[in-house]
N, C-alpha and C. Protein backbone atom coordinates (compact mmCIF):
# COMPACT_ATOMS: atom_id res chain seq x y z
N MET A 1 96.23 117.41 91.26
CA MET A 1 97.32 116.64 91.83
C MET A 1 97.03 115.16 91.62
N SER A 2 98.02 114.43 91.14
CA SER A 2 97.83 113.00 90.94
C SER A 2 98.16 112.25 92.21
N THR A 3 97.64 111.06 92.30
CA THR A 3 97.84 110.24 93.48
C THR A 3 98.60 108.98 93.11
N GLY A 4 99.60 108.67 93.91
CA GLY A 4 100.35 107.44 93.72
C GLY A 4 99.87 106.40 94.71
N ILE A 5 100.46 105.25 94.66
CA ILE A 5 100.16 104.22 95.64
C ILE A 5 101.45 103.70 96.24
N ARG A 6 101.32 103.19 97.46
CA ARG A 6 102.44 102.53 98.14
C ARG A 6 101.98 101.13 98.47
N VAL A 7 102.81 100.14 98.12
CA VAL A 7 102.46 98.73 98.28
C VAL A 7 103.37 98.10 99.32
N THR A 8 102.78 97.27 100.18
CA THR A 8 103.57 96.45 101.10
C THR A 8 103.09 95.01 100.94
N ALA A 9 103.99 94.08 101.21
CA ALA A 9 103.66 92.65 101.11
C ALA A 9 104.28 91.93 102.30
N ASP A 10 103.47 91.16 102.99
CA ASP A 10 103.90 90.43 104.18
C ASP A 10 104.14 88.96 103.82
N ALA A 11 105.40 88.61 103.60
CA ALA A 11 105.75 87.24 103.21
C ALA A 11 105.35 86.23 104.28
N GLY A 12 105.28 86.65 105.52
CA GLY A 12 104.88 85.76 106.61
C GLY A 12 103.43 85.33 106.53
N ARG A 13 102.60 86.12 105.87
CA ARG A 13 101.18 85.77 105.71
C ARG A 13 100.92 85.06 104.39
N CYS A 14 101.88 85.07 103.50
CA CYS A 14 101.73 84.52 102.15
C CYS A 14 101.55 83.00 102.20
N VAL A 15 100.59 82.50 101.41
CA VAL A 15 100.36 81.06 101.32
C VAL A 15 100.72 80.52 99.93
N VAL A 16 101.51 81.29 99.20
CA VAL A 16 102.08 80.87 97.92
C VAL A 16 101.00 80.55 96.88
N SER A 17 99.98 81.38 96.81
CA SER A 17 98.95 81.18 95.77
C SER A 17 99.44 81.67 94.41
N SER A 18 100.42 82.59 94.41
CA SER A 18 101.05 83.13 93.21
C SER A 18 100.16 84.06 92.39
N LEU A 19 98.96 84.37 92.85
CA LEU A 19 98.07 85.24 92.09
C LEU A 19 98.68 86.62 91.88
N CYS A 20 99.38 87.13 92.87
CA CYS A 20 99.96 88.46 92.75
C CYS A 20 100.99 88.51 91.62
N VAL A 21 101.78 87.47 91.50
CA VAL A 21 102.82 87.43 90.46
C VAL A 21 102.17 87.35 89.08
N TYR A 22 101.10 86.59 88.96
CA TYR A 22 100.41 86.50 87.67
C TYR A 22 99.71 87.78 87.30
N ARG A 23 99.15 88.46 88.30
CA ARG A 23 98.38 89.68 88.02
C ARG A 23 99.25 90.92 87.87
N ALA A 24 100.38 90.98 88.56
CA ALA A 24 101.24 92.17 88.50
C ALA A 24 102.71 91.77 88.56
N PRO A 25 103.22 91.14 87.51
CA PRO A 25 104.60 90.63 87.53
C PRO A 25 105.67 91.72 87.58
N ALA A 26 105.34 92.93 87.24
CA ALA A 26 106.31 94.02 87.33
C ALA A 26 106.47 94.51 88.77
N VAL A 27 105.54 94.12 89.64
CA VAL A 27 105.54 94.61 91.02
C VAL A 27 105.85 93.50 92.02
N PHE A 28 105.41 92.27 91.74
CA PHE A 28 105.58 91.17 92.68
C PHE A 28 106.41 90.04 92.07
N ASP A 29 107.12 89.35 92.94
CA ASP A 29 107.87 88.15 92.56
C ASP A 29 107.76 87.18 93.72
N GLN A 30 108.47 86.07 93.63
CA GLN A 30 108.47 85.07 94.69
C GLN A 30 109.90 84.72 95.06
N ASP A 31 110.11 84.43 96.36
CA ASP A 31 111.43 83.99 96.79
C ASP A 31 111.59 82.50 96.49
N ASP A 32 112.68 81.92 96.90
CA ASP A 32 112.96 80.51 96.61
C ASP A 32 111.91 79.55 97.18
N ASP A 33 111.21 79.99 98.23
CA ASP A 33 110.16 79.16 98.83
C ASP A 33 108.78 79.47 98.26
N GLY A 34 108.71 80.42 97.34
CA GLY A 34 107.44 80.76 96.71
C GLY A 34 106.69 81.90 97.36
N HIS A 35 107.23 82.46 98.44
CA HIS A 35 106.55 83.56 99.14
C HIS A 35 106.74 84.88 98.39
N VAL A 36 105.76 85.74 98.55
CA VAL A 36 105.75 87.02 97.85
C VAL A 36 106.97 87.88 98.21
N THR A 37 107.52 88.52 97.21
CA THR A 37 108.52 89.56 97.40
C THR A 37 108.07 90.76 96.58
N LEU A 38 108.45 91.93 97.02
CA LEU A 38 108.02 93.16 96.38
C LEU A 38 109.15 93.72 95.53
N LEU A 39 108.86 93.93 94.25
CA LEU A 39 109.86 94.48 93.35
C LEU A 39 109.80 96.00 93.29
N ASP A 40 108.61 96.57 93.46
CA ASP A 40 108.43 98.01 93.33
C ASP A 40 107.36 98.50 94.31
N PRO A 41 107.76 99.07 95.45
CA PRO A 41 106.77 99.52 96.44
C PRO A 41 105.97 100.75 96.01
N ARG A 42 106.44 101.46 95.00
CA ARG A 42 105.73 102.64 94.48
C ARG A 42 105.65 102.53 92.95
N PRO A 43 104.82 101.60 92.48
CA PRO A 43 104.76 101.35 91.04
C PRO A 43 104.16 102.52 90.27
N PRO A 44 104.54 102.66 89.00
CA PRO A 44 103.96 103.72 88.17
C PRO A 44 102.49 103.44 87.90
N VAL A 45 101.80 104.48 87.51
CA VAL A 45 100.35 104.44 87.33
C VAL A 45 99.89 103.32 86.40
N GLU A 46 100.66 102.97 85.41
CA GLU A 46 100.22 101.92 84.49
C GLU A 46 100.11 100.55 85.15
N HIS A 47 100.64 100.39 86.35
CA HIS A 47 100.55 99.12 87.08
C HIS A 47 99.53 99.15 88.22
N HIS A 48 98.92 100.29 88.47
CA HIS A 48 98.03 100.42 89.62
C HIS A 48 96.85 99.45 89.58
N GLU A 49 96.17 99.35 88.45
CA GLU A 49 95.00 98.46 88.39
C GLU A 49 95.41 97.01 88.65
N ALA A 50 96.51 96.57 88.10
CA ALA A 50 96.98 95.20 88.32
C ALA A 50 97.33 94.97 89.79
N VAL A 51 97.92 95.97 90.43
CA VAL A 51 98.26 95.86 91.86
C VAL A 51 97.00 95.75 92.70
N TRP A 52 96.00 96.58 92.42
CA TRP A 52 94.74 96.51 93.16
C TRP A 52 94.09 95.15 92.97
N ARG A 53 94.10 94.62 91.76
CA ARG A 53 93.53 93.29 91.52
C ARG A 53 94.29 92.22 92.29
N ALA A 54 95.60 92.33 92.32
CA ALA A 54 96.43 91.37 93.07
C ALA A 54 96.11 91.44 94.56
N ALA A 55 95.98 92.63 95.10
CA ALA A 55 95.68 92.79 96.52
C ALA A 55 94.30 92.23 96.86
N ARG A 56 93.32 92.52 96.02
CA ARG A 56 91.96 92.01 96.26
C ARG A 56 91.91 90.49 96.14
N GLY A 57 92.75 89.91 95.29
CA GLY A 57 92.73 88.48 95.08
C GLY A 57 93.57 87.67 96.06
N CYS A 58 94.37 88.34 96.86
CA CYS A 58 95.24 87.63 97.80
C CYS A 58 94.41 86.93 98.88
N PRO A 59 94.49 85.61 98.99
CA PRO A 59 93.63 84.89 99.94
C PRO A 59 93.92 85.19 101.40
N THR A 60 95.11 85.65 101.72
CA THR A 60 95.43 85.95 103.13
C THR A 60 95.58 87.44 103.39
N ARG A 61 95.30 88.26 102.39
CA ARG A 61 95.43 89.73 102.51
C ARG A 61 96.85 90.13 102.91
N ALA A 62 97.82 89.43 102.35
CA ALA A 62 99.22 89.73 102.64
C ALA A 62 99.70 90.99 101.92
N ILE A 63 98.92 91.46 100.96
CA ILE A 63 99.29 92.65 100.18
C ILE A 63 98.42 93.82 100.61
N GLN A 64 99.05 94.92 100.94
CA GLN A 64 98.35 96.14 101.33
C GLN A 64 98.71 97.24 100.35
N VAL A 65 97.71 98.03 99.97
CA VAL A 65 97.91 99.15 99.06
C VAL A 65 97.32 100.39 99.69
N GLU A 66 98.09 101.45 99.70
CA GLU A 66 97.63 102.73 100.26
C GLU A 66 97.83 103.83 99.23
N PHE A 67 96.89 104.77 99.22
CA PHE A 67 97.06 105.95 98.37
C PHE A 67 98.09 106.86 99.02
N GLU A 68 98.85 107.52 98.18
CA GLU A 68 99.85 108.45 98.68
C GLU A 68 99.94 109.61 97.68
N PRO A 69 99.79 110.84 98.17
CA PRO A 69 99.86 111.98 97.25
C PRO A 69 101.24 112.08 96.62
N SER A 70 101.28 112.45 95.35
CA SER A 70 102.57 112.60 94.69
C SER A 70 102.91 114.05 94.48
């Protein structure tokens, strides 16, 4: 059985570092003020590594990633 991931992003904790957008542009974007927005809460497997890197690099831990069985 393969495992998917579920991503959440808390714009209220975002400090507009933009690392998430650079690391995973298919999953994250920014609103007009530069805060994180989520484009795909359940990204396909080809984006998983980039999402994990974005979450680990977020200075305020505004991005959370959880495993979810598919």
